[in-house]
Amino acid sequence: MEIAVIGNKEFVIGFQLAGVRKTYSAETPDKLTETITRVLNDPEVGILVLQSADLEQIPRRLQVVIENSVKPTIVTIGGQEAGLSLRERIKRSVGVDLWK
């Protein structure tokens, strides 16, 4: 199970330095949409990290797919969390509320 990160070059470089192997730079909305779609279909990816601001650049249909995705679990960083909270996403992924 791997972690994948998608965003602009400045966003993904920190993850590259931390050793995350699956990092994808996407500078345009079309490239962002294409890359997210490809990573969602990658069976090796268990967690997908996105920048919150990037969610506003993708089609609503793909936003809904991301909001409902259990595998990979989508984690957004920066700004306000779109959709479900991290707590709810973990609960949906593992089936247990770890905060109780």
PDB file of N, CA and C in Angstrom:
ATOM      1  N   MET A   1       0.842  -1.170   0.000  1.00  0.00           N
ATOM      2  CA  MET A   1       0.000   0.000   0.000  1.00  0.00           C
ATOM      3  C   MET A   1       0.895   1.243   0.000  1.00  0.00           C
ATOM      4  N   GLU A   2       0.681   2.103  -0.937  1.00  0.00           N
ATOM      5  CA  GLU A   2       1.544   3.270  -1.064  1.00  0.00           C
ATOM      6  C   GLU A   2       0.773   4.572  -0.901  1.00  0.00           C
ATOM      7  N   ILE A   3       1.514   5.610  -0.625  1.00  0.00           N
ATOM      8  CA  ILE A   3       0.968   6.954  -0.542  1.00  0.00           C
ATOM      9  C   ILE A   3       1.279   7.648  -1.865  1.00  0.00           C
ATOM     10  N   ALA A   4       0.300   8.334  -2.412  1.00  0.00           N
ATOM     11  CA  ALA A   4       0.513   9.130  -3.617  1.00  0.00           C
ATOM     12  C   ALA A   4       0.173  10.583  -3.295  1.00  0.00           C
ATOM     13  N   VAL A   5       0.900  11.482  -3.902  1.00  0.00           N
ATOM     14  CA  VAL A   5       0.690  12.916  -3.693  1.00  0.00           C
ATOM     15  C   VAL A   5       0.562  13.590  -5.052  1.00  0.00           C
ATOM     16  N   ILE A   6      -0.470  14.411  -5.197  1.00  0.00           N
ATOM     17  CA  ILE A   6      -0.685  15.149  -6.444  1.00  0.00           C
ATOM     18  C   ILE A   6      -0.834  16.623  -6.111  1.00  0.00           C
ATOM     19  N   GLY A   7      -0.133  17.463  -6.867  1.00  0.00           N
ATOM     20  CA  GLY A   7      -0.248  18.905  -6.661  1.00  0.00           C
ATOM     21  C   GLY A   7       0.765  19.636  -7.508  1.00  0.00           C
ATOM     22  N   ASN A   8       0.926  20.920  -7.215  1.00  0.00           N
ATOM     23  CA  ASN A   8       1.931  21.675  -7.964  1.00  0.00           C
ATOM     24  C   ASN A   8       3.333  21.292  -7.476  1.00  0.00           C
ATOM     25  N   LYS A   9       4.353  21.763  -8.183  1.00  0.00           N
ATOM     26  CA  LYS A   9       5.728  21.353  -7.872  1.00  0.00           C
ATOM     27  C   LYS A   9       6.113  21.680  -6.434  1.00  0.00           C
ATOM     28  N   GLU A  10       5.702  22.851  -5.953  1.00  0.00           N
ATOM     29  CA  GLU A  10       6.040  23.256  -4.590  1.00  0.00           C
ATOM     30  C   GLU A  10       5.370  22.348  -3.563  1.00  0.00           C
ATOM     31  N   PHE A  11       4.176  21.879  -3.859  1.00  0.00           N
ATOM     32  CA  PHE A  11       3.436  21.016  -2.938  1.00  0.00           C
ATOM     33  C   PHE A  11       4.065  19.624  -2.851  1.00  0.00           C
ATOM     34  N   VAL A  12       4.451  19.053  -3.970  1.00  0.00           N
ATOM     35  CA  VAL A  12       4.924  17.666  -3.961  1.00  0.00           C
ATOM     36  C   VAL A  12       6.392  17.525  -3.553  1.00  0.00           C
ATOM     37  N   ILE A  13       7.172  18.588  -3.643  1.00  0.00           N
ATOM     38  CA  ILE A  13       8.609  18.448  -3.384  1.00  0.00           C
ATOM     39  C   ILE A  13       8.902  18.024  -1.936  1.00  0.00           C
ATOM     40  N   GLY A  14       8.128  18.512  -0.994  1.00  0.00           N
ATOM     41  CA  GLY A  14       8.337  18.116   0.402  1.00  0.00           C
ATOM     42  C   GLY A  14       8.083  16.629   0.605  1.00  0.00           C
ATOM     43  N   PHE A  15       7.099  16.110  -0.085  1.00  0.00           N
ATOM     44  CA  PHE A  15       6.795  14.684   0.020  1.00  0.00           C
ATOM     45  C   PHE A  15       7.886  13.857  -0.657  1.00  0.00           C
ATOM     46  N   GLN A  16       8.437  14.370  -1.740  1.00  0.00           N
ATOM     47  CA  GLN A  16       9.550  13.672  -2.393  1.00  0.00           C
ATOM     48  C   GLN A  16      10.746  13.589  -1.451  1.00  0.00           C
ATOM     49  N   LEU A  17      11.030  14.689  -0.769  1.00  0.00           N
ATOM     50  CA  LEU A  17      12.156  14.706   0.169  1.00  0.00           C
ATOM     51  C   LEU A  17      11.914  13.780   1.355  1.00  0.00           C
ATOM     52  N   ALA A  18      10.644  13.563   1.697  1.00  0.00           N
ATOM     53  CA  ALA A  18      10.292  12.656   2.794  1.00  0.00           C
ATOM     54  C   ALA A  18      10.301  11.193   2.365  1.00  0.00           C
ATOM     55  N   GLY A  19      10.508  10.940   1.081  1.00  0.00           N
ATOM     56  CA  GLY A  19      10.617   9.573   0.606  1.00  0.00           C
ATOM     57  C   GLY A  19       9.381   9.005  -0.062  1.00  0.00           C
ATOM     58  N   VAL A  20       8.351   9.827  -0.239  1.00  0.00           N
ATOM     59  CA  VAL A  20       7.164   9.344  -0.952  1.00  0.00           C
ATOM     60  C   VAL A  20       7.532   9.186  -2.418  1.00  0.00           C
ATOM     61  N   ARG A  21       7.348   7.978  -2.940  1.00  0.00           N
ATOM     62  CA  ARG A  21       7.775   7.671  -4.303  1.00  0.00           C
ATOM     63  C   ARG A  21       6.771   8.092  -5.366  1.00  0.00           C
ATOM     64  N   LYS A  22       5.499   7.994  -5.057  1.00  0.00           N
ATOM     65  CA  LYS A  22       4.476   8.306  -6.060  1.00  0.00           C
ATOM     66  C   LYS A  22       4.020   9.752  -5.890  1.00  0.00           C
ATOM     67  N   THR A  23       4.768  10.664  -6.462  1.00  0.00           N
ATOM     68  CA  THR A  23       4.399  12.073  -6.453  1.00  0.00           C
ATOM     69  C   THR A  23       4.196  12.511  -7.895  1.00  0.00           C
ATOM     70  N   TYR A  24       3.152  13.301  -8.096  1.00  0.00           N
ATOM     71  CA  TYR A  24       2.812  13.724  -9.446  1.00  0.00           C
ATOM     72  C   TYR A  24       2.585  15.226  -9.451  1.00  0.00           C
ATOM     73  N   SER A  25       3.325  15.910 -10.282  1.00  0.00           N
ATOM     74  CA  SER A  25       3.155  17.344 -10.424  1.00  0.00           C
ATOM     75  C   SER A  25       2.095  17.604 -11.485  1.00  0.00           C
ATOM     76  N   ALA A  26       1.106  18.414 -11.131  1.00  0.00           N
ATOM     77  CA  ALA A  26       0.033  18.757 -12.068  1.00  0.00           C
ATOM     78  C   ALA A  26      -0.239  20.247 -11.930  1.00  0.00           C
ATOM     79  N   GLU A  27       0.082  20.994 -12.970  1.00  0.00           N
ATOM     80  CA  GLU A  27       0.008  22.452 -12.909  1.00  0.00           C
ATOM     81  C   GLU A  27      -1.270  23.032 -13.506  1.00  0.00           C
ATOM     82  N   THR A  28      -1.998  22.250 -14.308  1.00  0.00           N
ATOM     83  CA  THR A  28      -3.228  22.755 -14.936  1.00  0.00           C
ATOM     84  C   THR A  28      -4.422  21.914 -14.473  1.00  0.00           C
ATOM     85  N   PRO A  29      -5.630  22.473 -14.536  1.00  0.00           N
ATOM     86  CA  PRO A  29      -6.814  21.695 -14.147  1.00  0.00           C
ATOM     87  C   PRO A  29      -6.981  20.405 -14.967  1.00  0.00           C
ATOM     88  N   ASP A  30      -6.689  20.454 -16.251  1.00  0.00           N
ATOM     89  CA  ASP A  30      -6.818  19.242 -17.072  1.00  0.00           C
ATOM     90  C   ASP A  30      -5.821  18.169 -16.644  1.00  0.00           C
ATOM     91  N   LYS A  31      -4.587  18.582 -16.407  1.00  0.00           N
ATOM     92  CA  LYS A  31      -3.565  17.634 -15.972  1.00  0.00           C
ATOM     93  C   LYS A  31      -3.903  17.098 -14.581  1.00  0.00           C
ATOM     94  N   LEU A  32      -4.437  17.958 -13.741  1.00  0.00           N
ATOM     95  CA  LEU A  32      -4.842  17.556 -12.392  1.00  0.00           C
ATOM     96  C   LEU A  32      -5.939  16.492 -12.464  1.00  0.00           C
ATOM     97  N   THR A  33      -6.943  16.738 -13.279  1.00  0.00           N
ATOM     98  CA  THR A  33      -8.053  15.793 -13.437  1.00  0.00           C
ATOM     99  C   THR A  33      -7.552  14.459 -13.981  1.00  0.00           C
ATOM    100  N   GLU A  34      -6.716  14.519 -15.006  1.00  0.00           N
ATOM    101  CA  GLU A  34      -6.168  13.305 -15.615  1.00  0.00           C
ATOM    102  C   GLU A  34      -5.334  12.511 -14.602  1.00  0.00           C
ATOM    103  N   THR A  35      -4.503  13.196 -13.835  1.00  0.00           N
ATOM    104  CA  THR A  35      -3.620  12.514 -12.891  1.00  0.00           C
ATOM    105  C   THR A  35      -4.414  11.912 -11.734  1.00  0.00           C
ATOM    106  N   ILE A  36      -5.388  12.651 -11.213  1.00  0.00           N
ATOM    107  CA  ILE A  36      -6.211  12.118 -10.117  1.00  0.00           C
ATOM    108  C   ILE A  36      -6.954  10.871 -10.577  1.00  0.00           C
ATOM    109  N   THR A  37      -7.532  10.921 -11.772  1.00  0.00           N
ATOM    110  CA  THR A  37      -8.264   9.774 -12.305  1.00  0.00           C
ATOM    111  C   THR A  37      -7.356   8.552 -12.428  1.00  0.00           C
ATOM    112  N   ARG A  38      -6.138   8.784 -12.914  1.00  0.00           N
ATOM    113  CA  ARG A  38      -5.180   7.679 -13.085  1.00  0.00           C
ATOM    114  C   ARG A  38      -4.797   7.084 -11.737  1.00  0.00           C
ATOM    115  N   VAL A  39      -4.538   7.939 -10.738  1.00  0.00           N
ATOM    116  CA  VAL A  39      -4.117   7.450  -9.418  1.00  0.00           C
ATOM    117  C   VAL A  39      -5.274   6.745  -8.705  1.00  0.00           C
ATOM    118  N   LEU A  40      -6.503   7.220  -8.886  1.00  0.00           N
ATOM    119  CA  LEU A  40      -7.652   6.545  -8.267  1.00  0.00           C
ATOM    120  C   LEU A  40      -7.784   5.106  -8.760  1.00  0.00           C
ATOM    121  N   ASN A  41      -7.309   4.839  -9.957  1.00  0.00           N
ATOM    122  CA  ASN A  41      -7.392   3.493 -10.524  1.00  0.00           C
ATOM    123  C   ASN A  41      -6.141   2.655 -10.278  1.00  0.00           C
ATOM    124  N   ASP A  42      -5.164   3.201  -9.549  1.00  0.00           N
ATOM    125  CA  ASP A  42      -3.933   2.471  -9.239  1.00  0.00           C
ATOM    126  C   ASP A  42      -4.169   1.608  -7.992  1.00  0.00           C
ATOM    127  N   PRO A  43      -4.166   0.282  -8.117  1.00  0.00           N
ATOM    128  CA  PRO A  43      -4.470  -0.579  -6.971  1.00  0.00           C
ATOM    129  C   PRO A  43      -3.410  -0.542  -5.871  1.00  0.00           C
ATOM    130  N   GLU A  44      -2.231  -0.024  -6.156  1.00  0.00           N
ATOM    131  CA  GLU A  44      -1.174   0.047  -5.142  1.00  0.00           C
ATOM    132  C   GLU A  44      -1.325   1.237  -4.207  1.00  0.00           C
ATOM    133  N   VAL A  45      -2.139   2.211  -4.578  1.00  0.00           N
ATOM    134  CA  VAL A  45      -2.275   3.437  -3.784  1.00  0.00           C
ATOM    135  C   VAL A  45      -3.367   3.261  -2.730  1.00  0.00           C
ATOM    136  N   GLY A  46      -2.988   3.445  -1.463  1.00  0.00           N
ATOM    137  CA  GLY A  46      -3.945   3.343  -0.356  1.00  0.00           C
ATOM    138  C   GLY A  46      -4.358   4.692   0.187  1.00  0.00           C
ATOM    139  N   ILE A  47      -3.464   5.668   0.063  1.00  0.00           N
ATOM    140  CA  ILE A  47      -3.739   7.031   0.529  1.00  0.00           C
ATOM    141  C   ILE A  47      -3.327   8.000  -0.571  1.00  0.00           C
ATOM    142  N   LEU A  48      -4.220   8.901  -0.896  1.00  0.00           N
ATOM    143  CA  LEU A  48      -3.934   9.941  -1.888  1.00  0.00           C
ATOM    144  C   LEU A  48      -3.997  11.293  -1.192  1.00  0.00           C
ATOM    145  N   VAL A  49      -2.918  12.040  -1.272  1.00  0.00           N
ATOM    146  CA  VAL A  49      -2.839  13.357  -0.642  1.00  0.00           C
ATOM    147  C   VAL A  49      -2.983  14.423  -1.725  1.00  0.00           C
ATOM    148  N   LEU A  50      -3.914  15.347  -1.485  1.00  0.00           N
ATOM    149  CA  LEU A  50      -4.167  16.452  -2.410  1.00  0.00           C
ATOM    150  C   LEU A  50      -4.131  17.769  -1.655  1.00  0.00           C
ATOM    151  N   GLN A  51      -3.916  18.834  -2.397  1.00  0.00           N
ATOM    152  CA  GLN A  51      -4.001  20.170  -1.823  1.00  0.00           C
ATOM    153  C   GLN A  51      -5.465  20.609  -1.918  1.00  0.00           C
ATOM    154  N   SER A  52      -6.016  21.108  -0.827  1.00  0.00           N
ATOM    155  CA  SER A  52      -7.443  21.465  -0.785  1.00  0.00           C
ATOM    156  C   SER A  52      -7.840  22.406  -1.914  1.00  0.00           C
ATOM    157  N   ALA A  53      -7.009  23.383  -2.204  1.00  0.00           N
ATOM    158  CA  ALA A  53      -7.342  24.363  -3.250  1.00  0.00           C
ATOM    159  C   ALA A  53      -7.482  23.710  -4.619  1.00  0.00           C
ATOM    160  N   ASP A  54      -6.801  22.594  -4.828  1.00  0.00           N
ATOM    161  CA  ASP A  54      -6.876  21.909  -6.123  1.00  0.00           C
ATOM    162  C   ASP A  54      -8.242  21.284  -6.359  1.00  0.00           C
ATOM    163  N   LEU A  55      -8.973  20.978  -5.296  1.00  0.00           N
ATOM    164  CA  LEU A  55     -10.280  20.347  -5.473  1.00  0.00           C
ATOM    165  C   LEU A  55     -11.251  21.261  -6.213  1.00  0.00           C
ATOM    166  N   GLU A  56     -11.060  22.563  -6.081  1.00  0.00           N
ATOM    167  CA  GLU A  56     -11.948  23.507  -6.751  1.00  0.00           C
ATOM    168  C   GLU A  56     -11.699  23.566  -8.255  1.00  0.00           C
ATOM    169  N   GLN A  57     -10.579  23.020  -8.698  1.00  0.00           N
ATOM    170  CA  GLN A  57     -10.215  23.073 -10.118  1.00  0.00           C
ATOM    171  C   GLN A  57     -10.668  21.862 -10.914  1.00  0.00           C
ATOM    172  N   ILE A  58     -11.185  20.852 -10.236  1.00  0.00           N
ATOM    173  CA  ILE A  58     -11.562  19.630 -10.945  1.00  0.00           C
ATOM    174  C   ILE A  58     -13.080  19.574 -11.107  1.00  0.00           C
ATOM    175  N   PRO A  59     -13.566  18.798 -12.068  1.00  0.00           N
ATOM    176  CA  PRO A  59     -15.020  18.705 -12.304  1.00  0.00           C
ATOM    177  C   PRO A  59     -15.760  18.174 -11.066  1.00  0.00           C
ATOM    178  N   ARG A  60     -16.985  18.634 -10.914  1.00  0.00           N
ATOM    179  CA  ARG A  60     -17.798  18.245  -9.752  1.00  0.00           C
ATOM    180  C   ARG A  60     -17.960  16.731  -9.659  1.00  0.00           C
ATOM    181  N   ARG A  61     -18.094  16.085 -10.804  1.00  0.00           N
ATOM    182  CA  ARG A  61     -18.251  14.618 -10.829  1.00  0.00           C
ATOM    183  C   ARG A  61     -17.063  13.933 -10.155  1.00  0.00           C
ATOM    184  N   LEU A  62     -15.844  14.404 -10.433  1.00  0.00           N
ATOM    185  CA  LEU A  62     -14.649  13.826  -9.829  1.00  0.00           C
ATOM    186  C   LEU A  62     -14.572  14.199  -8.342  1.00  0.00           C
ATOM    187  N   GLN A  63     -15.046  15.384  -7.984  1.00  0.00           N
ATOM    188  CA  GLN A  63     -15.091  15.766  -6.558  1.00  0.00           C
ATOM    189  C   GLN A  63     -15.954  14.792  -5.768  1.00  0.00           C
ATOM    190  N   VAL A  64     -17.086  14.398  -6.351  1.00  0.00           N
ATOM    191  CA  VAL A  64     -17.981  13.451  -5.672  1.00  0.00           C
ATOM    192  C   VAL A  64     -17.293  12.094  -5.518  1.00  0.00           C
ATOM    193  N   VAL A  65     -16.593  11.663  -6.557  1.00  0.00           N
ATOM    194  CA  VAL A  65     -15.854  10.390  -6.476  1.00  0.00           C
ATOM    195  C   VAL A  65     -14.836  10.460  -5.343  1.00  0.00           C
ATOM    196  N   ILE A  66     -14.134  11.576  -5.239  1.00  0.00           N
ATOM    197  CA  ILE A  66     -13.124  11.746  -4.195  1.00  0.00           C
ATOM    198  C   ILE A  66     -13.772  11.748  -2.817  1.00  0.00           C
ATOM    199  N   GLU A  67     -14.879  12.449  -2.661  1.00  0.00           N
ATOM    200  CA  GLU A  67     -15.561  12.520  -1.363  1.00  0.00           C
ATOM    201  C   GLU A  67     -16.035  11.151  -0.898  1.00  0.00           C
ATOM    202  N   ASN A  68     -16.374  10.272  -1.822  1.00  0.00           N
ATOM    203  CA  ASN A  68     -16.904   8.956  -1.464  1.00  0.00           C
ATOM    204  C   ASN A  68     -15.860   7.844  -1.518  1.00  0.00           C
ATOM    205  N   SER A  69     -14.632   8.172  -1.853  1.00  0.00           N
ATOM    206  CA  SER A  69     -13.601   7.154  -1.997  1.00  0.00           C
ATOM    207  C   SER A  69     -13.164   6.601  -0.636  1.00  0.00           C
ATOM    208  N   VAL A  70     -13.159   5.293  -0.531  1.00  0.00           N
ATOM    209  CA  VAL A  70     -12.650   4.629   0.671  1.00  0.00           C
ATOM    210  C   VAL A  70     -11.230   4.130   0.394  1.00  0.00           C
ATOM    211  N   LYS A  71     -11.003   3.557  -0.764  1.00  0.00           N
ATOM    212  CA  LYS A  71      -9.665   3.122  -1.167  1.00  0.00           C
ATOM    213  C   LYS A  71      -9.408   3.609  -2.581  1.00  0.00           C
ATOM    214  N   PRO A  72      -8.520   4.511  -2.765  1.00  0.00           N
ATOM    215  CA  PRO A  72      -7.673   5.087  -1.732  1.00  0.00           C
ATOM    216  C   PRO A  72      -8.429   6.096  -0.875  1.00  0.00           C
ATOM    217  N   THR A  73      -7.951   6.226   0.342  1.00  0.00           N
ATOM    218  CA  THR A  73      -8.458   7.264   1.214  1.00  0.00           C
ATOM    219  C   THR A  73      -7.838   8.579   0.777  1.00  0.00           C
ATOM    220  N   ILE A  74      -8.667   9.597   0.627  1.00  0.00           N
ATOM    221  CA  ILE A  74      -8.187  10.888   0.147  1.00  0.00           C
ATOM    222  C   ILE A  74      -7.996  11.817   1.338  1.00  0.00           C
ATOM    223  N   VAL A  75      -6.821  12.388   1.452  1.00  0.00           N
ATOM    224  CA  VAL A  75      -6.508  13.350   2.496  1.00  0.00           C
ATOM    225  C   VAL A  75      -6.163  14.663   1.819  1.00  0.00           C
ATOM    226  N   THR A  76      -6.872  15.730   2.200  1.00  0.00           N
ATOM    227  CA  THR A  76      -6.555  17.040   1.644  1.00  0.00           C
ATOM    228  C   THR A  76      -5.833  17.862   2.693  1.00  0.00           C
ATOM    229  N   ILE A  77      -4.881  18.640   2.232  1.00  0.00           N
ATOM    230  CA  ILE A  77      -4.044  19.441   3.122  1.00  0.00           C
ATOM    231  C   ILE A  77      -4.126  20.901   2.697  1.00  0.00           C
ATOM    232  N   GLY A  78      -4.174  21.761   3.699  1.00  0.00           N
ATOM    233  CA  GLY A  78      -4.201  23.196   3.432  1.00  0.00           C
ATOM    234  C   GLY A  78      -5.610  23.692   3.253  1.00  0.00           C
ATOM    235  N   GLY A  79      -5.887  24.874   3.742  1.00  0.00           N
ATOM    236  CA  GLY A  79      -7.219  25.444   3.607  1.00  0.00           C
ATOM    237  C   GLY A  79      -8.238  24.669   4.404  1.00  0.00           C
ATOM    238  N   GLN A  80      -9.469  24.863   4.045  1.00  0.00           N
ATOM    239  CA  GLN A  80     -10.529  24.149   4.731  1.00  0.00           C
ATOM    240  C   GLN A  80     -10.697  22.775   4.112  1.00  0.00           C
ATOM    241  N   GLU A  81     -10.983  21.822   4.963  1.00  0.00           N
ATOM    242  CA  GLU A  81     -11.208  20.456   4.520  1.00  0.00           C
ATOM    243  C   GLU A  81     -12.488  20.378   3.703  1.00  0.00           C
ATOM    244  N   ALA A  82     -12.374  19.861   2.499  1.00  0.00           N
ATOM    245  CA  ALA A  82     -13.559  19.679   1.672  1.00  0.00           C
ATOM    246  C   ALA A  82     -14.187  18.330   1.996  1.00  0.00           C
ATOM    247  N   GLY A  83     -15.465  18.319   2.149  1.00  0.00           N
ATOM    248  CA  GLY A  83     -16.162  17.058   2.381  1.00  0.00           C
ATOM    249  C   GLY A  83     -15.969  16.550   3.791  1.00  0.00           C
ATOM    250  N   LEU A  84     -15.629  15.293   3.912  1.00  0.00           N
ATOM    251  CA  LEU A  84     -15.536  14.646   5.205  1.00  0.00           C
ATOM    252  C   LEU A  84     -14.273  15.024   5.953  1.00  0.00           C
ATOM    253  N   SER A  85     -14.343  14.963   7.277  1.00  0.00           N
ATOM    254  CA  SER A  85     -13.178  15.230   8.104  1.00  0.00           C
ATOM    255  C   SER A  85     -12.233  14.032   8.047  1.00  0.00           C
ATOM    256  N   LEU A  86     -10.990  14.252   8.469  1.00  0.00           N
ATOM    257  CA  LEU A  86     -10.013  13.168   8.495  1.00  0.00           C
ATOM    258  C   LEU A  86     -10.509  12.056   9.407  1.00  0.00           C
ATOM    259  N   ARG A  87     -11.128  12.427  10.535  1.00  0.00           N
ATOM    260  CA  ARG A  87     -11.669  11.430  11.469  1.00  0.00           C
ATOM    261  C   ARG A  87     -12.690  10.533  10.769  1.00  0.00           C
ATOM    262  N   GLU A  88     -13.587  11.143  10.042  1.00  0.00           N
ATOM    263  CA  GLU A  88     -14.627  10.365   9.354  1.00  0.00           C
ATOM    264  C   GLU A  88     -14.027   9.496   8.254  1.00  0.00           C
ATOM    265  N   ARG A  89     -13.019  10.002   7.567  1.00  0.00           N
ATOM    266  CA  ARG A  89     -12.391   9.221   6.498  1.00  0.00           C
ATOM    267  C   ARG A  89     -11.688   7.988   7.063  1.00  0.00           C
ATOM    268  N   ILE A  90     -10.984   8.162   8.185  1.00  0.00           N
ATOM    269  CA  ILE A  90     -10.305   7.018   8.803  1.00  0.00           C
ATOM    270  C   ILE A  90     -11.336   6.014   9.295  1.00  0.00           C
ATOM    271  N   LYS A  91     -12.413   6.510   9.886  1.00  0.00           N
ATOM    272  CA  LYS A  91     -13.475   5.630  10.374  1.00  0.00           C
ATOM    273  C   LYS A  91     -14.060   4.806   9.224  1.00  0.00           C
ATOM    274  N   ARG A  92     -14.278   5.454   8.083  1.00  0.00           N
ATOM    275  CA  ARG A  92     -14.833   4.742   6.930  1.00  0.00           C
ATOM    276  C   ARG A  92     -13.833   3.736   6.367  1.00  0.00           C
ATOM    277  N   SER A  93     -12.545   4.065   6.441  1.00  0.00           N
ATOM    278  CA  SER A  93     -11.527   3.185   5.868  1.00  0.00           C
ATOM    279  C   SER A  93     -11.283   1.948   6.707  1.00  0.00           C
ATOM    280  N   VAL A  94     -11.165   2.120   8.027  1.00  0.00           N
ATOM    281  CA  VAL A  94     -10.815   0.986   8.889  1.00  0.00           C
ATOM    282  C   VAL A  94     -12.020   0.426   9.627  1.00  0.00           C
ATOM    283  N   GLY A  95     -13.142   1.128   9.591  1.00  0.00           N
ATOM    284  CA  GLY A  95     -14.353   0.630  10.220  1.00  0.00           C
ATOM    285  C   GLY A  95     -14.453   0.873  11.703  1.00  0.00           C
ATOM    286  N   VAL A  96     -13.510   1.629  12.263  1.00  0.00           N
ATOM    287  CA  VAL A  96     -13.495   1.897  13.700  1.00  0.00           C
ATOM    288  C   VAL A  96     -13.209   3.375  13.917  1.00  0.00           C
ATOM    289  N   ASP A  97     -13.925   3.974  14.868  1.00  0.00           N
ATOM    290  CA  ASP A  97     -13.649   5.363  15.229  1.00  0.00           C
ATOM    291  C   ASP A  97     -12.497   5.372  16.225  1.00  0.00           C
ATOM    292  N   LEU A  98     -11.319   5.760  15.788  1.00  0.00           N
ATOM    293  CA  LEU A  98     -10.118   5.704  16.626  1.00  0.00           C
ATOM    294  C   LEU A  98     -10.111   6.754  17.724  1.00  0.00           C
ATOM    295  N   TRP A  99     -11.009   7.721  17.680  1.00  0.00           N
ATOM    296  CA  TRP A  99     -11.039   8.778  18.685  1.00  0.00           C
ATOM    297  C   TRP A  99     -11.913   8.418  19.889  1.00  0.00           C
ATOM    298  N   LYS A 100     -12.626   7.289  19.825  1.00  0.00           N
ATOM    299  CA  LYS A 100     -13.496   6.881  20.951  1.00  0.00           C
ATOM    300  C   LYS A 100     -12.715   6.081  21.956  1.00  0.00           C
TER     301      LYS A 100
END
